[in-house]
């Protein structure tokens, strides 16, 4: 069990989940991430599960160079790639390995996040020692078409676990403050930054919106 203190994260957490295809390719993604971390994004989650491990590692290493000293870097589901790339953490999907197993596999301390879609999963993740909960889908999301949104109510219930919660799914600068007011420690986005002409401006606007209501650490 771990459960890192919320002080392990800068609040509010403003997270960018990668999608190289939406960004226009790996180089365009790296450029967008560089703009984002210079303008308020303080956590980057690499989620490129369709790539071979070797290619994921190479991309993670490049993302580490871009984020180093500016933002935490989490790698989706792979402890080995997270470790080899120098990432700060690993983000586990709801149905992947247990947090206990992931922590046992790690040769060095890693922050471990869990993506959840319900209160029971959030409680289980907290009991296993999750350091971060990514909760969604909060609103209708272009990256998850057809998935009914859970709404901000789920954020409040999951926040009661005591683990920092960030909302994901359809979040924009226009609704981020509502997510924060529901009890979130931050927000995570994909298209709200990567799908815009200016990732720098989009990141700055999102960070400003999330900062309107910052929970106590």
Protein backbone atom coordinates (compact mmCIF):
# COMPACT_ATOMS: atom_id res chain seq x y z
CA UNK A 1 0.00 0.00 0.00
CA UNK A 2 1.21 3.51 -0.72
CA UNK A 3 -1.30 6.34 -1.26
CA UNK A 4 1.05 9.26 -1.87
CA UNK A 5 0.26 12.51 -0.13
CA UNK A 6 -1.59 15.00 -2.35
CA UNK A 7 1.56 17.10 -1.99
CA UNK A 8 3.18 14.69 -4.47
CA UNK A 9 1.19 16.63 -7.05
CA UNK A 10 1.04 20.34 -7.82
CA UNK A 11 -2.57 21.49 -7.45
CA UNK A 12 -4.59 21.86 -9.47
CA UNK A 13 -3.45 18.91 -11.55
CA UNK A 14 -3.77 19.86 -15.21
CA UNK A 15 -3.18 16.67 -17.17
CA UNK A 16 -2.75 16.05 -20.87
CA UNK A 17 -3.35 12.54 -22.21
CA UNK A 18 -1.50 11.93 -25.44
CA UNK A 19 -3.00 11.00 -28.80
CA UNK A 20 -0.39 11.24 -31.53
CA UNK A 21 -2.97 10.70 -34.27
CA UNK A 22 -5.10 13.61 -33.11
CA UNK A 23 -1.99 15.76 -32.77
CA UNK A 24 -0.85 14.98 -36.32
CA UNK A 25 1.95 12.50 -35.62
CA UNK A 26 4.69 11.96 -33.04
CA UNK A 27 6.65 15.12 -33.85
CA UNK A 28 3.53 17.27 -33.76
CA UNK A 29 2.57 15.61 -30.48
CA UNK A 30 5.92 16.45 -28.93
CA UNK A 31 5.58 20.05 -30.07
CA UNK A 32 2.07 20.27 -28.59
CA UNK A 33 3.23 18.76 -25.31
CA UNK A 34 6.13 21.22 -25.15
CA UNK A 35 3.70 24.11 -25.62
CA UNK A 36 1.30 22.67 -23.05
CA UNK A 37 3.85 22.14 -20.26
CA UNK A 38 5.09 25.68 -20.75
CA UNK A 39 1.54 26.96 -20.22
CA UNK A 40 0.08 25.20 -17.21
CA UNK A 41 -0.02 21.45 -17.89
CA UNK A 42 1.79 19.73 -15.01
CA UNK A 43 1.11 16.06 -15.77
CA UNK A 44 1.40 14.23 -19.09
CA UNK A 45 0.02 10.72 -19.51
CA UNK A 46 1.39 8.81 -22.49
CA UNK A 47 -1.40 6.62 -23.83
CA UNK A 48 -0.29 5.11 -27.13
CA UNK A 49 -1.23 1.49 -26.52
CA UNK A 50 -1.34 0.50 -30.19
CA UNK A 51 2.40 1.03 -30.61
CA UNK A 52 4.98 -1.76 -30.13
CA UNK A 53 6.80 -1.59 -26.81
CA UNK A 54 10.08 -0.43 -28.37
CA UNK A 55 8.33 2.45 -30.14
CA UNK A 56 6.43 3.35 -26.98
CA UNK A 57 9.71 3.45 -25.06
CA UNK A 58 11.33 5.73 -27.63
CA UNK A 59 8.35 8.09 -27.50
CA UNK A 60 8.29 8.02 -23.71
CA UNK A 61 11.97 8.96 -23.63
CA UNK A 62 11.31 11.92 -25.90
CA UNK A 63 8.35 12.95 -23.76
CA UNK A 64 10.58 12.75 -20.69
CA UNK A 65 12.98 15.20 -22.31
CA UNK A 66 10.12 17.60 -23.04
CA UNK A 67 8.49 17.32 -19.61
CA UNK A 68 11.59 17.07 -17.42
CA UNK A 69 11.44 19.66 -14.66
CA UNK A 70 8.10 20.97 -15.93
CA UNK A 71 5.53 18.18 -15.59
CA UNK A 72 5.13 14.69 -14.21
CA UNK A 73 5.16 11.94 -16.83
CA UNK A 74 2.96 8.86 -16.48
CA UNK A 75 3.05 5.90 -18.89
CA UNK A 76 -0.11 3.94 -19.56
CA UNK A 77 -0.13 0.38 -18.16
CA UNK A 78 3.59 -0.45 -18.56
CA UNK A 79 5.78 -0.46 -15.47
CA UNK A 80 8.82 -1.46 -17.52
CA UNK A 81 8.45 1.40 -20.02
CA UNK A 82 7.79 3.86 -17.20
CA UNK A 83 10.97 2.79 -15.44
CA UNK A 84 13.16 2.65 -18.54
CA UNK A 85 12.06 6.08 -19.75
CA UNK A 86 12.55 7.80 -16.41
CA UNK A 87 8.83 8.49 -16.04
CA UNK A 88 7.39 9.46 -12.67
CA UNK A 89 4.48 7.06 -12.70
CA UNK A 90 2.31 4.51 -14.41
CA UNK A 91 -1.40 4.90 -15.15
CA UNK A 92 -3.33 1.63 -14.93
CA UNK A 93 -6.58 1.14 -16.81
CA UNK A 94 -9.51 -0.12 -14.77
CA UNK A 95 -9.17 -3.73 -15.92
CA UNK A 96 -5.38 -4.03 -16.02
CA UNK A 97 -3.09 -5.51 -13.36
CA UNK A 98 -3.63 -4.75 -9.69
CA UNK A 99 -1.91 -1.78 -8.11
CA UNK A 100 -0.24 -4.15 -5.67
CA UNK A 101 1.20 -6.17 -8.55
CA UNK A 102 2.38 -3.09 -10.41
CA UNK A 103 4.13 -1.74 -7.34
CA UNK A 104 5.79 -5.11 -6.72
CA UNK A 105 7.13 -5.15 -10.29
CA UNK A 106 8.67 -1.70 -9.99
CA UNK A 107 12.38 -1.62 -9.24
CA UNK A 108 12.13 2.00 -8.08
CA UNK A 109 9.36 4.08 -6.51
CA UNK A 110 6.66 5.02 -9.01
CA UNK A 111 3.45 6.96 -8.56
CA UNK A 112 0.58 4.71 -9.58
CA UNK A 113 -2.71 5.99 -10.92
CA UNK A 114 -5.86 4.04 -11.68
CA UNK A 115 -8.56 4.94 -14.20
CA UNK A 116 -12.02 4.23 -12.79
CA UNK A 117 -15.60 4.59 -13.94
CA UNK A 118 -17.46 3.98 -10.70
CA UNK A 119 -17.34 4.36 -6.93
CA UNK A 120 -16.65 0.68 -6.17
CA UNK A 121 -13.61 0.68 -8.46
CA UNK A 122 -12.39 3.90 -6.85
CA UNK A 123 -12.68 2.43 -3.37
CA UNK A 124 -10.86 -0.73 -4.42
CA UNK A 125 -8.07 1.30 -6.01
CA UNK A 126 -7.74 3.40 -2.87
CA UNK A 127 -7.57 0.27 -0.73
CA UNK A 128 -4.77 -1.06 -2.94
CA UNK A 129 -2.76 2.12 -2.48
CA UNK A 130 -3.48 4.18 -5.59
CA UNK A 131 -1.77 7.55 -5.64
CA UNK A 132 -4.18 9.07 -8.17
CA UNK A 133 -7.65 8.32 -9.54
CA UNK A 134 -8.63 9.37 -13.06
CA UNK A 135 -12.42 9.39 -13.05
CA UNK A 136 -14.75 9.52 -16.03
CA UNK A 137 -16.30 9.85 -18.39
CA UNK A 138 -17.56 13.13 -16.87
CA UNK A 139 -19.12 14.74 -19.96
CA UNK A 140 -19.82 13.65 -23.53
CA UNK A 141 -16.42 13.04 -25.05
CA UNK A 142 -15.35 13.04 -28.71
CA UNK A 143 -12.75 10.39 -27.89
CA UNK A 144 -15.38 8.09 -26.32
CA UNK A 145 -18.44 8.51 -28.56
CA UNK A 146 -21.54 6.72 -27.38
CA UNK A 147 -20.35 6.36 -23.79
CA UNK A 148 -22.94 7.85 -21.41
CA UNK A 149 -21.39 10.60 -19.27
CA UNK A 150 -21.31 10.03 -15.51
CA UNK A 151 -21.54 13.72 -14.63
CA UNK A 152 -19.69 15.58 -11.90
CA UNK A 153 -21.52 13.70 -9.14
CA UNK A 154 -19.17 10.75 -9.57
CA UNK A 155 -16.22 13.05 -8.88
CA UNK A 156 -17.53 13.89 -5.43
CA UNK A 157 -18.13 10.28 -4.47
CA UNK A 158 -14.68 9.18 -5.63
CA UNK A 159 -13.01 12.11 -3.86
CA UNK A 160 -14.33 10.73 -0.58
CA UNK A 161 -11.69 7.98 -0.83
CA UNK A 162 -9.08 10.58 0.11
CA UNK A 163 -7.03 9.85 -3.01
CA UNK A 164 -6.51 12.80 -5.38
CA UNK A 165 -9.10 12.64 -8.17
CA UNK A 166 -8.89 14.13 -11.64
CA UNK A 167 -11.86 14.16 -13.96
CA UNK A 168 -11.63 13.17 -17.61
CA UNK A 169 -14.02 13.11 -20.54
CA UNK A 170 -15.36 16.10 -22.40
CA UNK A 171 -13.63 18.58 -20.11
CA UNK A 172 -12.89 22.04 -21.47
CA UNK A 173 -11.93 25.44 -20.12
CA UNK A 174 -15.67 26.18 -20.01
CA UNK A 175 -16.62 23.36 -17.62
CA UNK A 176 -13.36 22.67 -15.73
CA UNK A 177 -14.37 24.83 -12.77
CA UNK A 178 -17.52 22.72 -12.25
CA UNK A 179 -15.36 19.58 -12.08
CA UNK A 180 -13.08 21.23 -9.52
CA UNK A 181 -16.04 22.43 -7.46
CA UNK A 182 -17.33 18.84 -7.32
CA UNK A 183 -14.20 17.84 -5.40
CA UNK A 184 -11.60 17.09 -8.05
CA UNK A 185 -7.93 17.80 -7.53
CA UNK A 186 -7.58 18.44 -11.24
CA UNK A 187 -8.70 17.74 -14.77
CA UNK A 188 -7.39 15.69 -17.69
CA UNK A 189 -7.98 16.37 -21.36
CA UNK A 190 -7.06 15.15 -24.81
CA UNK A 191 -8.84 17.02 -27.59
CA UNK A 192 -9.27 20.23 -25.57
CA UNK A 193 -5.55 20.77 -26.12
CA UNK A 194 -4.42 18.46 -28.92
CA UNK A 195 -7.43 19.22 -31.10
CA UNK A 196 -6.87 22.98 -31.11
CA UNK A 197 -4.83 25.29 -33.35
CA UNK A 198 -2.83 26.55 -30.36
CA UNK A 199 -2.02 24.00 -27.64
CA UNK A 200 -0.27 26.79 -25.72
CA UNK A 201 -3.39 28.97 -25.54
CA UNK A 202 -5.65 25.99 -24.82
CA UNK A 203 -3.43 24.81 -21.97
CA UNK A 204 -3.26 28.27 -20.44
CA UNK A 205 -7.04 28.68 -20.58
CA UNK A 206 -7.61 25.24 -19.05
CA UNK A 207 -5.11 25.86 -16.26
CA UNK A 208 -6.73 29.19 -15.45
CA UNK A 209 -10.18 27.62 -15.34
CA UNK A 210 -9.02 24.77 -13.11
CA UNK A 211 -7.35 27.23 -10.75
CA UNK A 212 -10.60 29.00 -9.92
CA UNK A 213 -11.40 26.35 -7.31
CA UNK A 214 -8.39 24.53 -5.90
CA UNK A 215 -8.96 21.96 -3.12
CA UNK A 216 -6.86 22.07 0.02
CA UNK A 217 -3.80 19.82 -0.12
